[in-house]
């Protein structure tokens, strides 16, 4: 990832477990802000000797010296503990709940993030409403619609320089026979990359090569 980034390539990583995010962010190297679209904070303490898992990648990201602020968007899960929320906010993370998203709108969400650094974007499919992602093990009710997620990603691409992107928590073994979750995941990736490299949105012609 680091080598690709230094060549001006935009890393796009697909998963799989959300544990991949901390390794990808570590490879970016340059000062960044991180935008997480997710139902959960993924901010659990490291416990029982398991450092890399899907419950704590954002805590690991928050320990990295080149990461500025973390913006956690779409949070709504009852499985998020009060202590994890306290730790995230103590670090300075901006937690934007699922219901705040409705009030802010896509441009409002993008405007919450300073433009002093480029951004890395991580999308956990469970940010979407449960019926949209049957192939996501951690899906929750009352999530974002596909249109809301698409519009937020487009607003991020229009306002910020994107230097990396991952989409995670797709499990084909859980998906319905038609592969609905995989289709949604593909559409998210294509829509976001289309926005990142759209000259009409990016005056410089985009963020680089994918």
N, C-alpha and C. Protein backbone atom coordinates (compact mmCIF):
# COMPACT_ATOMS: atom_id res chain seq x y z
N UNK A 1 0.83 -1.20 0.00
CA UNK A 1 0.00 0.00 0.00
C UNK A 1 0.87 1.25 0.00
N UNK A 2 1.89 1.27 0.84
CA UNK A 2 2.77 2.42 0.90
C UNK A 2 3.45 2.70 -0.43
N UNK A 3 3.92 1.65 -1.09
CA UNK A 3 4.59 1.81 -2.38
C UNK A 3 3.62 2.35 -3.43
N UNK A 4 2.40 1.83 -3.44
CA UNK A 4 1.40 2.33 -4.38
C UNK A 4 1.07 3.79 -4.11
N UNK A 5 0.92 4.13 -2.85
CA UNK A 5 0.59 5.51 -2.49
C UNK A 5 1.69 6.46 -2.94
N UNK A 6 2.93 6.08 -2.75
CA UNK A 6 4.05 6.95 -3.15
C UNK A 6 4.13 7.12 -4.66
N UNK A 7 3.55 6.20 -5.41
CA UNK A 7 3.51 6.31 -6.87
C UNK A 7 2.30 7.10 -7.37
N UNK A 8 1.50 7.60 -6.44
CA UNK A 8 0.32 8.36 -6.81
C UNK A 8 -0.89 7.51 -7.14
N UNK A 9 -0.84 6.24 -6.76
CA UNK A 9 -1.96 5.33 -6.98
C UNK A 9 -2.91 5.39 -5.78
N UNK A 10 -4.20 5.38 -6.04
CA UNK A 10 -5.20 5.35 -4.97
C UNK A 10 -5.45 3.90 -4.58
N UNK A 11 -5.02 3.46 -3.40
CA UNK A 11 -5.28 2.07 -2.99
C UNK A 11 -6.77 1.86 -2.72
N UNK A 12 -7.30 0.78 -3.28
CA UNK A 12 -8.68 0.36 -3.02
C UNK A 12 -8.62 -1.07 -2.51
N UNK A 13 -9.03 -1.27 -1.26
CA UNK A 13 -8.90 -2.57 -0.60
C UNK A 13 -10.29 -3.10 -0.30
N UNK A 14 -10.52 -4.38 -0.64
CA UNK A 14 -11.84 -4.98 -0.47
C UNK A 14 -11.77 -6.11 0.54
N UNK A 15 -12.79 -6.18 1.42
CA UNK A 15 -12.85 -7.25 2.41
C UNK A 15 -14.29 -7.70 2.58
N UNK A 16 -14.43 -8.72 3.29
CA UNK A 16 -13.53 -9.24 4.27
C UNK A 16 -13.66 -8.46 5.58
N UNK A 17 -12.83 -8.89 6.49
CA UNK A 17 -12.85 -8.39 7.87
C UNK A 17 -12.37 -6.94 7.95
N UNK A 18 -13.00 -6.15 8.83
CA UNK A 18 -12.61 -4.75 9.00
C UNK A 18 -11.23 -4.60 9.62
N UNK A 19 -10.65 -5.69 10.08
CA UNK A 19 -9.29 -5.63 10.63
C UNK A 19 -8.28 -5.14 9.61
N UNK A 20 -8.58 -5.25 8.31
CA UNK A 20 -7.61 -4.83 7.29
C UNK A 20 -7.33 -3.34 7.32
N UNK A 21 -8.28 -2.55 7.82
CA UNK A 21 -8.18 -1.10 7.71
C UNK A 21 -6.95 -0.54 8.40
N UNK A 22 -6.63 -1.01 9.58
CA UNK A 22 -5.49 -0.44 10.31
C UNK A 22 -4.19 -0.64 9.54
N UNK A 23 -4.03 -1.78 8.89
CA UNK A 23 -2.80 -2.02 8.12
C UNK A 23 -2.73 -1.12 6.90
N UNK A 24 -3.86 -0.90 6.25
CA UNK A 24 -3.87 -0.04 5.06
C UNK A 24 -3.57 1.40 5.44
N UNK A 25 -4.20 1.89 6.50
CA UNK A 25 -3.96 3.26 6.96
C UNK A 25 -2.50 3.44 7.36
N UNK A 26 -1.92 2.44 8.01
CA UNK A 26 -0.51 2.51 8.38
C UNK A 26 0.37 2.68 7.15
N UNK A 27 -0.02 2.05 6.04
CA UNK A 27 0.77 2.13 4.83
C UNK A 27 0.69 3.47 4.12
N UNK A 28 -0.37 4.24 4.37
CA UNK A 28 -0.51 5.53 3.69
C UNK A 28 0.60 6.49 4.09
N UNK A 29 0.87 6.58 5.38
CA UNK A 29 2.04 7.34 5.83
C UNK A 29 1.85 8.83 5.99
N UNK A 30 1.32 9.53 4.99
CA UNK A 30 1.24 10.99 5.08
C UNK A 30 0.12 11.39 6.04
N UNK A 31 0.18 12.63 6.56
CA UNK A 31 -0.87 13.09 7.48
C UNK A 31 -2.25 13.06 6.81
N UNK A 32 -3.20 12.44 7.48
CA UNK A 32 -4.55 12.28 6.93
C UNK A 32 -5.58 12.41 8.04
N UNK A 33 -6.81 12.66 7.64
CA UNK A 33 -7.98 12.41 8.47
C UNK A 33 -8.62 11.12 7.97
N UNK A 34 -9.33 10.42 8.84
CA UNK A 34 -9.98 9.16 8.47
C UNK A 34 -11.49 9.31 8.62
N UNK A 35 -12.21 8.89 7.59
CA UNK A 35 -13.67 8.90 7.61
C UNK A 35 -14.15 7.45 7.60
N UNK A 36 -14.89 7.08 8.63
CA UNK A 36 -15.41 5.72 8.79
C UNK A 36 -16.92 5.76 8.66
N UNK A 37 -17.47 5.02 7.72
CA UNK A 37 -18.92 4.88 7.57
C UNK A 37 -19.28 3.50 8.07
N UNK A 38 -20.06 3.43 9.17
CA UNK A 38 -20.18 2.18 9.91
C UNK A 38 -21.36 2.27 10.86
N UNK A 39 -21.93 1.12 11.21
CA UNK A 39 -22.95 1.07 12.26
C UNK A 39 -22.32 1.08 13.64
N UNK A 40 -21.06 0.68 13.73
CA UNK A 40 -20.38 0.49 15.01
C UNK A 40 -19.13 1.36 15.09
N UNK A 41 -18.72 1.68 16.31
CA UNK A 41 -17.50 2.46 16.49
C UNK A 41 -16.24 1.66 16.16
N UNK A 42 -16.28 0.35 16.36
CA UNK A 42 -15.08 -0.50 16.18
C UNK A 42 -13.92 0.05 16.99
N UNK A 43 -14.20 0.33 18.26
CA UNK A 43 -13.23 1.01 19.13
C UNK A 43 -13.01 0.24 20.43
N UNK A 44 -13.17 -1.07 20.36
CA UNK A 44 -12.98 -1.88 21.56
C UNK A 44 -11.50 -1.89 21.96
N UNK A 45 -11.22 -2.02 23.25
CA UNK A 45 -9.83 -2.17 23.69
C UNK A 45 -9.25 -3.50 23.20
N UNK A 46 -7.95 -3.51 23.01
CA UNK A 46 -7.27 -4.76 22.68
C UNK A 46 -7.34 -5.66 23.91
N UNK A 47 -7.82 -6.89 23.73
CA UNK A 47 -8.02 -7.79 24.87
C UNK A 47 -7.70 -9.22 24.48
N UNK A 48 -7.33 -10.00 25.47
CA UNK A 48 -7.08 -11.44 25.31
C UNK A 48 -6.03 -11.73 24.25
N UNK A 49 -5.10 -10.80 24.10
CA UNK A 49 -4.00 -11.01 23.17
C UNK A 49 -4.37 -10.87 21.70
N UNK A 50 -5.61 -10.49 21.41
CA UNK A 50 -6.04 -10.33 20.02
C UNK A 50 -5.97 -8.85 19.66
N UNK A 51 -4.92 -8.48 18.93
CA UNK A 51 -4.73 -7.07 18.59
C UNK A 51 -5.47 -6.68 17.31
N UNK A 52 -5.58 -7.60 16.39
CA UNK A 52 -6.17 -7.27 15.09
C UNK A 52 -7.47 -8.04 14.90
N UNK A 53 -8.58 -7.32 14.99
CA UNK A 53 -9.90 -7.91 14.81
C UNK A 53 -10.86 -6.87 14.27
N UNK A 54 -12.09 -7.28 13.98
CA UNK A 54 -13.03 -6.32 13.41
C UNK A 54 -13.72 -5.46 14.46
N UNK A 55 -13.40 -5.67 15.73
CA UNK A 55 -14.00 -4.85 16.78
C UNK A 55 -13.16 -3.67 17.22
N UNK A 56 -11.90 -3.59 16.75
CA UNK A 56 -11.04 -2.52 17.26
C UNK A 56 -10.18 -1.80 16.22
N UNK A 57 -10.46 -1.90 14.92
CA UNK A 57 -9.54 -1.27 13.96
C UNK A 57 -9.42 0.24 14.12
N UNK A 58 -10.50 0.91 14.52
CA UNK A 58 -10.42 2.37 14.62
C UNK A 58 -9.64 2.80 15.86
N UNK A 59 -9.62 1.97 16.89
CA UNK A 59 -8.76 2.27 18.03
C UNK A 59 -7.29 2.19 17.61
N UNK A 60 -6.95 1.19 16.81
CA UNK A 60 -5.58 1.07 16.32
C UNK A 60 -5.22 2.23 15.39
N UNK A 61 -6.15 2.60 14.53
CA UNK A 61 -5.93 3.75 13.64
C UNK A 61 -5.71 5.02 14.46
N UNK A 62 -6.46 5.16 15.54
CA UNK A 62 -6.33 6.35 16.38
C UNK A 62 -5.00 6.47 17.09
N UNK A 63 -4.26 5.37 17.17
CA UNK A 63 -2.94 5.40 17.81
C UNK A 63 -1.84 5.84 16.85
N UNK A 64 -2.15 5.99 15.58
CA UNK A 64 -1.12 6.29 14.58
C UNK A 64 -0.84 7.79 14.54
N UNK A 65 0.43 8.15 14.54
CA UNK A 65 0.83 9.55 14.67
C UNK A 65 0.45 10.39 13.45
N UNK A 66 0.30 9.77 12.28
CA UNK A 66 -0.02 10.55 11.08
C UNK A 66 -1.52 10.75 10.89
N UNK A 67 -2.33 10.13 11.76
CA UNK A 67 -3.79 10.26 11.66
C UNK A 67 -4.24 11.43 12.52
N UNK A 68 -4.90 12.38 11.88
CA UNK A 68 -5.43 13.53 12.61
C UNK A 68 -6.72 13.16 13.32
N UNK A 69 -7.83 13.59 12.78
CA UNK A 69 -9.11 13.27 13.40
C UNK A 69 -9.77 12.09 12.69
N UNK A 70 -10.62 11.40 13.43
CA UNK A 70 -11.41 10.30 12.89
C UNK A 70 -12.87 10.71 12.94
N UNK A 71 -13.55 10.58 11.82
CA UNK A 71 -14.96 10.95 11.71
C UNK A 71 -15.75 9.66 11.51
N UNK A 72 -16.57 9.33 12.51
CA UNK A 72 -17.28 8.05 12.55
C UNK A 72 -18.75 8.31 12.25
N UNK A 73 -19.18 7.92 11.05
CA UNK A 73 -20.45 8.37 10.48
C UNK A 73 -21.42 7.19 10.35
N UNK A 74 -22.65 7.40 10.80
CA UNK A 74 -23.70 6.39 10.67
C UNK A 74 -23.85 5.49 11.88
N UNK A 75 -23.18 5.85 12.97
CA UNK A 75 -23.15 5.01 14.18
C UNK A 75 -24.56 4.90 14.76
N UNK A 76 -24.95 3.65 15.10
CA UNK A 76 -26.30 3.47 15.65
C UNK A 76 -26.45 2.20 16.49
N UNK A 77 -25.44 1.37 16.59
CA UNK A 77 -25.62 0.04 17.16
C UNK A 77 -25.78 0.05 18.67
N UNK A 78 -26.69 -0.78 19.18
CA UNK A 78 -26.81 -0.99 20.62
C UNK A 78 -25.61 -1.75 21.17
N UNK A 79 -24.81 -2.34 20.29
CA UNK A 79 -23.63 -3.07 20.72
C UNK A 79 -22.42 -2.17 20.96
N UNK A 80 -22.60 -0.86 20.80
CA UNK A 80 -21.53 0.09 21.09
C UNK A 80 -21.56 0.42 22.57
N UNK A 81 -20.47 0.16 23.26
CA UNK A 81 -20.45 0.38 24.71
C UNK A 81 -20.18 1.85 25.04
N UNK A 82 -20.65 2.26 26.21
CA UNK A 82 -20.44 3.64 26.66
C UNK A 82 -18.95 3.94 26.82
N UNK A 83 -18.19 2.97 27.29
CA UNK A 83 -16.76 3.19 27.50
C UNK A 83 -16.04 3.38 26.16
N UNK A 84 -16.44 2.63 25.14
CA UNK A 84 -15.83 2.82 23.81
C UNK A 84 -16.15 4.20 23.26
N UNK A 85 -17.40 4.63 23.43
CA UNK A 85 -17.79 5.97 22.98
C UNK A 85 -16.99 7.03 23.71
N UNK A 86 -16.83 6.87 25.02
CA UNK A 86 -16.05 7.82 25.82
C UNK A 86 -14.62 7.89 25.31
N UNK A 87 -14.01 6.75 25.06
CA UNK A 87 -12.62 6.73 24.59
C UNK A 87 -12.49 7.40 23.22
N UNK A 88 -13.44 7.14 22.34
CA UNK A 88 -13.39 7.74 21.01
C UNK A 88 -13.50 9.25 21.09
N UNK A 89 -14.42 9.74 21.90
CA UNK A 89 -14.61 11.18 22.01
C UNK A 89 -13.46 11.84 22.76
N UNK A 90 -12.88 11.13 23.72
CA UNK A 90 -11.73 11.67 24.44
C UNK A 90 -10.56 11.90 23.50
N UNK A 91 -10.41 11.02 22.51
CA UNK A 91 -9.34 11.19 21.53
C UNK A 91 -9.60 12.39 20.62
N UNK A 92 -10.85 12.81 20.51
CA UNK A 92 -11.22 13.89 19.61
C UNK A 92 -11.97 13.45 18.38
N UNK A 93 -12.38 12.18 18.35
CA UNK A 93 -13.16 11.69 17.22
C UNK A 93 -14.50 12.42 17.15
N UNK A 94 -14.97 12.64 15.95
CA UNK A 94 -16.31 13.20 15.75
C UNK A 94 -17.24 12.04 15.41
N UNK A 95 -18.17 11.76 16.31
CA UNK A 95 -19.13 10.68 16.11
C UNK A 95 -20.42 11.28 15.58
N UNK A 96 -20.78 10.92 14.35
CA UNK A 96 -21.99 11.41 13.70
C UNK A 96 -22.96 10.24 13.61
N UNK A 97 -24.00 10.29 14.41
CA UNK A 97 -24.93 9.16 14.47
C UNK A 97 -25.75 9.06 13.19
N UNK A 98 -26.37 7.93 13.05
CA UNK A 98 -27.26 7.70 11.90
C UNK A 98 -28.30 8.80 11.78
N UNK A 99 -28.80 9.29 12.91
CA UNK A 99 -29.88 10.27 12.88
C UNK A 99 -29.34 11.68 12.64
N UNK A 100 -28.12 11.95 13.04
CA UNK A 100 -27.49 13.22 12.69
C UNK A 100 -27.28 13.33 11.19
N UNK A 101 -27.00 12.21 10.54
CA UNK A 101 -26.81 12.22 9.09
C UNK A 101 -28.03 12.80 8.40
N UNK A 102 -29.23 12.44 8.86
CA UNK A 102 -30.45 12.96 8.25
C UNK A 102 -30.50 14.48 8.34
N UNK A 103 -30.09 15.03 9.48
CA UNK A 103 -30.13 16.47 9.66
C UNK A 103 -29.05 17.21 8.89
N UNK A 104 -27.86 16.63 8.84
CA UNK A 104 -26.74 17.29 8.18
C UNK A 104 -26.83 17.22 6.66
N UNK A 105 -27.31 16.10 6.16
CA UNK A 105 -27.28 15.87 4.72
C UNK A 105 -25.87 15.55 4.25
N UNK A 106 -25.72 15.08 3.02
CA UNK A 106 -24.40 14.67 2.53
C UNK A 106 -23.35 15.78 2.57
N UNK A 107 -23.72 16.97 2.09
CA UNK A 107 -22.75 18.07 2.09
C UNK A 107 -22.40 18.50 3.50
N UNK A 108 -23.38 18.43 4.41
CA UNK A 108 -23.11 18.77 5.79
C UNK A 108 -22.15 17.81 6.45
N UNK A 109 -22.29 16.51 6.14
CA UNK A 109 -21.35 15.52 6.66
C UNK A 109 -19.95 15.82 6.15
N UNK A 110 -19.83 16.06 4.84
CA UNK A 110 -18.51 16.33 4.26
C UNK A 110 -17.90 17.61 4.83
N UNK A 111 -18.75 18.59 5.15
CA UNK A 111 -18.25 19.86 5.68
C UNK A 111 -17.75 19.75 7.11
N UNK A 112 -18.13 18.69 7.82
CA UNK A 112 -17.63 18.49 9.18
C UNK A 112 -16.12 18.21 9.19
N UNK A 113 -15.58 17.78 8.08
CA UNK A 113 -14.20 17.32 8.01
C UNK A 113 -13.31 18.44 7.50
N UNK A 114 -12.28 18.82 8.24
CA UNK A 114 -11.38 19.89 7.77
C UNK A 114 -10.69 19.50 6.47
N UNK A 115 -10.33 20.51 5.69
CA UNK A 115 -9.66 20.28 4.42
C UNK A 115 -8.15 20.47 4.51
N UNK A 116 -7.63 20.51 5.75
CA UNK A 116 -6.19 20.73 5.91
C UNK A 116 -5.36 19.48 5.62
N UNK A 117 -6.01 18.32 5.54
CA UNK A 117 -5.34 17.07 5.21
C UNK A 117 -6.21 16.29 4.23
N UNK A 118 -5.61 15.42 3.43
CA UNK A 118 -6.43 14.50 2.63
C UNK A 118 -7.12 13.49 3.53
N UNK A 119 -8.03 12.73 2.96
CA UNK A 119 -8.79 11.77 3.77
C UNK A 119 -8.62 10.34 3.26
N UNK A 120 -8.71 9.42 4.21
CA UNK A 120 -8.84 8.00 3.92
C UNK A 120 -10.27 7.61 4.30
N UNK A 121 -10.94 6.85 3.46
CA UNK A 121 -12.34 6.49 3.69
C UNK A 121 -12.46 4.98 3.85
N UNK A 122 -13.10 4.55 4.94
CA UNK A 122 -13.39 3.14 5.14
C UNK A 122 -14.90 2.95 5.26
N UNK A 123 -15.44 2.06 4.44
CA UNK A 123 -16.87 1.79 4.42
C UNK A 123 -17.11 0.36 4.90
N UNK A 124 -17.78 0.24 6.04
CA UNK A 124 -18.28 -1.05 6.50
C UNK A 124 -19.71 -1.18 5.96
N UNK A 125 -19.99 -2.27 5.27
CA UNK A 125 -21.31 -2.41 4.66
C UNK A 125 -22.45 -2.36 5.66
N UNK A 126 -22.16 -2.58 6.95
CA UNK A 126 -23.26 -2.52 7.92
C UNK A 126 -23.74 -1.10 8.20
N UNK A 127 -23.09 -0.10 7.59
CA UNK A 127 -23.64 1.25 7.67
C UNK A 127 -24.98 1.32 6.94
N UNK A 128 -25.19 0.42 5.99
CA UNK A 128 -26.45 0.36 5.25
C UNK A 128 -27.52 -0.37 6.06
N UNK A 129 -28.77 -0.14 5.70
CA UNK A 129 -29.88 -0.78 6.40
C UNK A 129 -29.82 -2.30 6.22
N UNK A 130 -30.20 -3.01 7.26
CA UNK A 130 -30.05 -4.46 7.32
C UNK A 130 -30.58 -5.20 6.09
N UNK A 131 -31.78 -4.90 5.58
CA UNK A 131 -32.27 -5.67 4.43
C UNK A 131 -31.43 -5.51 3.16
N UNK A 132 -30.65 -4.44 3.06
CA UNK A 132 -29.83 -4.21 1.87
C UNK A 132 -28.59 -5.09 1.82
N UNK A 133 -28.16 -5.60 2.98
CA UNK A 133 -26.86 -6.29 3.05
C UNK A 133 -26.98 -7.62 3.80
N UNK A 134 -27.74 -8.58 3.26
CA UNK A 134 -27.86 -9.88 3.94
C UNK A 134 -26.54 -10.61 4.07
N UNK A 135 -25.58 -10.28 3.23
CA UNK A 135 -24.27 -10.93 3.30
C UNK A 135 -23.28 -10.20 4.18
N UNK A 136 -23.79 -9.43 5.13
CA UNK A 136 -22.94 -8.74 6.11
C UNK A 136 -23.35 -9.25 7.49
N UNK A 137 -22.41 -9.90 8.18
CA UNK A 137 -22.73 -10.59 9.44
C UNK A 137 -23.14 -9.64 10.55
N UNK A 138 -22.68 -8.39 10.49
CA UNK A 138 -22.91 -7.46 11.60
C UNK A 138 -23.94 -6.39 11.26
N UNK A 139 -24.79 -6.65 10.27
CA UNK A 139 -25.78 -5.65 9.86
C UNK A 139 -26.76 -5.33 10.99
N UNK A 140 -27.26 -4.10 10.97
CA UNK A 140 -28.17 -3.60 12.01
C UNK A 140 -29.38 -2.95 11.34
N UNK A 141 -30.53 -2.91 12.01
CA UNK A 141 -31.68 -2.21 11.45
C UNK A 141 -31.49 -0.70 11.47
N UNK A 142 -32.30 -0.02 10.66
CA UNK A 142 -32.38 1.45 10.63
C UNK A 142 -31.08 2.09 10.16
N UNK A 143 -30.46 1.48 9.16
CA UNK A 143 -29.23 2.04 8.60
C UNK A 143 -29.50 3.03 7.49
N UNK A 144 -28.43 3.47 6.86
CA UNK A 144 -28.54 4.39 5.73
C UNK A 144 -29.15 3.67 4.53
N UNK A 145 -29.80 4.43 3.68
CA UNK A 145 -30.21 3.90 2.38
C UNK A 145 -28.99 3.90 1.46
N UNK A 146 -29.09 3.15 0.35
CA UNK A 146 -27.99 3.18 -0.61
C UNK A 146 -27.77 4.60 -1.13
N UNK A 147 -28.87 5.31 -1.40
CA UNK A 147 -28.75 6.66 -1.91
C UNK A 147 -28.05 7.60 -0.95
N UNK A 148 -28.32 7.45 0.34
CA UNK A 148 -27.63 8.29 1.32
C UNK A 148 -26.14 8.02 1.34
N UNK A 149 -25.76 6.75 1.34
CA UNK A 149 -24.33 6.42 1.32
C UNK A 149 -23.67 6.94 0.06
N UNK A 150 -24.29 6.72 -1.08
CA UNK A 150 -23.74 7.21 -2.35
C UNK A 150 -23.55 8.72 -2.32
N UNK A 151 -24.54 9.44 -1.83
CA UNK A 151 -24.47 10.90 -1.84
C UNK A 151 -23.41 11.41 -0.87
N UNK A 152 -23.23 10.74 0.28
CA UNK A 152 -22.17 11.13 1.21
C UNK A 152 -20.81 10.91 0.57
N UNK A 153 -20.62 9.77 -0.07
CA UNK A 153 -19.34 9.50 -0.73
C UNK A 153 -19.07 10.50 -1.84
N UNK A 154 -20.08 10.86 -2.60
CA UNK A 154 -19.89 11.86 -3.65
C UNK A 154 -19.53 13.22 -3.06
N UNK A 155 -20.17 13.57 -1.95
CA UNK A 155 -19.85 14.85 -1.29
C UNK A 155 -18.43 14.85 -0.75
N UNK A 156 -17.99 13.73 -0.20
CA UNK A 156 -16.61 13.62 0.28
C UNK A 156 -15.63 13.79 -0.88
N UNK A 157 -15.93 13.13 -2.00
CA UNK A 157 -15.04 13.21 -3.16
C UNK A 157 -14.98 14.62 -3.73
N UNK A 158 -16.09 15.33 -3.67
CA UNK A 158 -16.14 16.69 -4.22
C UNK A 158 -15.36 17.68 -3.36
N UNK A 159 -15.34 17.45 -2.06
CA UNK A 159 -14.77 18.44 -1.14
C UNK A 159 -13.34 18.11 -0.72
N UNK A 160 -12.95 16.86 -0.77
CA UNK A 160 -11.68 16.43 -0.19
C UNK A 160 -10.83 15.64 -1.18
N UNK A 161 -9.53 15.63 -0.94
CA UNK A 161 -8.64 14.75 -1.69
C UNK A 161 -8.62 13.39 -1.00
N UNK A 162 -9.01 12.37 -1.72
CA UNK A 162 -9.09 11.01 -1.18
C UNK A 162 -7.80 10.27 -1.53
N UNK A 163 -7.12 9.71 -0.52
CA UNK A 163 -5.84 9.03 -0.77
C UNK A 163 -5.91 7.53 -0.54
N UNK A 164 -7.07 7.03 -0.13
CA UNK A 164 -7.22 5.59 0.06
C UNK A 164 -8.66 5.28 0.42
N UNK A 165 -9.04 4.02 0.19
CA UNK A 165 -10.44 3.63 0.36
C UNK A 165 -10.50 2.13 0.58
N UNK A 166 -11.31 1.72 1.55
CA UNK A 166 -11.61 0.29 1.66
C UNK A 166 -13.11 0.09 1.86
N UNK A 167 -13.57 -1.08 1.44
CA UNK A 167 -14.94 -1.52 1.67
C UNK A 167 -14.86 -2.91 2.26
N UNK A 168 -15.51 -3.09 3.42
CA UNK A 168 -15.29 -4.33 4.18
C UNK A 168 -16.60 -4.93 4.69
N UNK A 169 -16.45 -6.12 5.26
CA UNK A 169 -17.51 -6.90 5.91
C UNK A 169 -18.53 -7.49 4.93
N UNK A 170 -18.06 -7.82 3.73
CA UNK A 170 -18.85 -8.61 2.80
C UNK A 170 -18.47 -10.08 2.95
N UNK A 171 -19.46 -10.91 3.25
CA UNK A 171 -19.24 -12.35 3.40
C UNK A 171 -20.13 -13.08 2.39
N UNK A 172 -19.57 -13.50 1.25
CA UNK A 172 -20.39 -14.17 0.23
C UNK A 172 -21.09 -15.43 0.75
N UNK A 173 -20.53 -16.06 1.78
CA UNK A 173 -21.14 -17.28 2.31
C UNK A 173 -22.47 -17.00 3.01
N UNK A 174 -22.70 -15.76 3.40
CA UNK A 174 -23.95 -15.37 4.05
C UNK A 174 -24.93 -14.73 3.08
N UNK A 175 -24.47 -14.39 1.90
CA UNK A 175 -25.30 -13.64 0.96
C UNK A 175 -26.42 -14.51 0.41
N UNK A 176 -27.45 -13.87 -0.10
CA UNK A 176 -28.55 -14.58 -0.74
C UNK A 176 -28.09 -15.13 -2.09
N UNK A 177 -28.81 -16.10 -2.65
CA UNK A 177 -28.36 -16.72 -3.91
C UNK A 177 -28.10 -15.74 -5.04
N UNK A 178 -28.84 -14.67 -5.10
CA UNK A 178 -28.63 -13.69 -6.16
C UNK A 178 -27.42 -12.81 -5.98
N UNK A 179 -26.75 -12.93 -4.82
CA UNK A 179 -25.57 -12.12 -4.56
C UNK A 179 -25.88 -10.65 -4.37
N UNK A 180 -27.00 -10.35 -3.73
CA UNK A 180 -27.42 -8.95 -3.59
C UNK A 180 -26.39 -8.08 -2.88
N UNK A 181 -25.80 -8.60 -1.82
CA UNK A 181 -24.83 -7.80 -1.06
C UNK A 181 -23.60 -7.51 -1.90
N UNK A 182 -23.14 -8.50 -2.64
CA UNK A 182 -21.99 -8.29 -3.52
C UNK A 182 -22.30 -7.24 -4.58
N UNK A 183 -23.52 -7.26 -5.11
CA UNK A 183 -23.91 -6.25 -6.09
C UNK A 183 -23.92 -4.85 -5.48
N UNK A 184 -24.44 -4.74 -4.26
CA UNK A 184 -24.44 -3.46 -3.57
C UNK A 184 -23.00 -2.99 -3.34
N UNK A 185 -22.13 -3.89 -2.91
CA UNK A 185 -20.73 -3.54 -2.66
C UNK A 185 -20.06 -3.04 -3.94
N UNK A 186 -20.28 -3.75 -5.04
CA UNK A 186 -19.70 -3.32 -6.32
C UNK A 186 -20.20 -1.93 -6.71
N UNK A 187 -21.48 -1.70 -6.51
CA UNK A 187 -22.06 -0.41 -6.87
C UNK A 187 -21.46 0.71 -6.01
N UNK A 188 -21.26 0.45 -4.72
CA UNK A 188 -20.65 1.46 -3.85
C UNK A 188 -19.26 1.82 -4.34
N UNK A 189 -18.46 0.80 -4.64
CA UNK A 189 -17.09 1.04 -5.11
C UNK A 189 -17.09 1.83 -6.42
N UNK A 190 -17.91 1.42 -7.37
CA UNK A 190 -17.95 2.10 -8.67
C UNK A 190 -18.43 3.54 -8.54
N UNK A 191 -19.47 3.75 -7.74
CA UNK A 191 -20.00 5.11 -7.56
C UNK A 191 -18.95 6.02 -6.92
N UNK A 192 -18.24 5.50 -5.90
CA UNK A 192 -17.26 6.33 -5.21
C UNK A 192 -16.06 6.63 -6.11
N UNK A 193 -15.54 5.61 -6.78
CA UNK A 193 -14.40 5.85 -7.67
C UNK A 193 -14.79 6.78 -8.81
N UNK A 194 -16.01 6.63 -9.31
CA UNK A 194 -16.47 7.54 -10.34
C UNK A 194 -16.47 8.98 -9.87
N UNK A 195 -16.86 9.20 -8.61
CA UNK A 195 -16.86 10.55 -8.05
C UNK A 195 -15.44 11.05 -7.81
N UNK A 196 -14.58 10.18 -7.29
CA UNK A 196 -13.20 10.59 -6.99
C UNK A 196 -12.49 11.06 -8.25
N UNK A 197 -12.73 10.39 -9.37
CA UNK A 197 -12.02 10.70 -10.60
C UNK A 197 -12.86 11.51 -11.60
N UNK A 198 -13.94 12.09 -11.15
CA UNK A 198 -14.80 12.89 -12.01
C UNK A 198 -14.23 14.30 -12.13
N UNK A 199 -13.76 14.71 -13.31
CA UNK A 199 -13.19 16.06 -13.45
C UNK A 199 -14.19 17.16 -13.10
N UNK A 200 -15.47 16.88 -13.26
CA UNK A 200 -16.48 17.90 -12.93
C UNK A 200 -16.53 18.17 -11.44
N UNK A 201 -16.19 17.15 -10.63
CA UNK A 201 -16.17 17.32 -9.18
C UNK A 201 -14.80 17.75 -8.69
N UNK A 202 -13.74 17.22 -9.32
CA UNK A 202 -12.37 17.49 -8.90
C UNK A 202 -11.72 18.37 -9.96
N UNK A 203 -11.46 19.60 -9.59
CA UNK A 203 -10.88 20.52 -10.55
C UNK A 203 -9.54 20.08 -11.09
N UNK A 204 -8.83 19.21 -10.34
CA UNK A 204 -7.51 18.74 -10.78
C UNK A 204 -7.62 17.43 -11.55
N UNK A 205 -8.85 16.98 -11.84
CA UNK A 205 -9.01 15.75 -12.61
C UNK A 205 -9.03 14.49 -11.78
N UNK A 206 -9.08 14.63 -10.46
CA UNK A 206 -9.15 13.43 -9.63
C UNK A 206 -7.97 13.30 -8.70
N UNK A 207 -7.92 12.19 -7.97
CA UNK A 207 -6.90 11.98 -6.95
C UNK A 207 -5.68 11.22 -7.46
N UNK A 208 -5.71 10.71 -8.66
CA UNK A 208 -4.58 9.93 -9.16
C UNK A 208 -5.06 8.69 -9.87
N UNK A 209 -4.25 7.66 -9.83
CA UNK A 209 -4.57 6.40 -10.51
C UNK A 209 -5.16 5.42 -9.51
N UNK A 210 -6.11 4.61 -9.95
CA UNK A 210 -6.67 3.57 -9.10
C UNK A 210 -6.02 2.24 -9.43
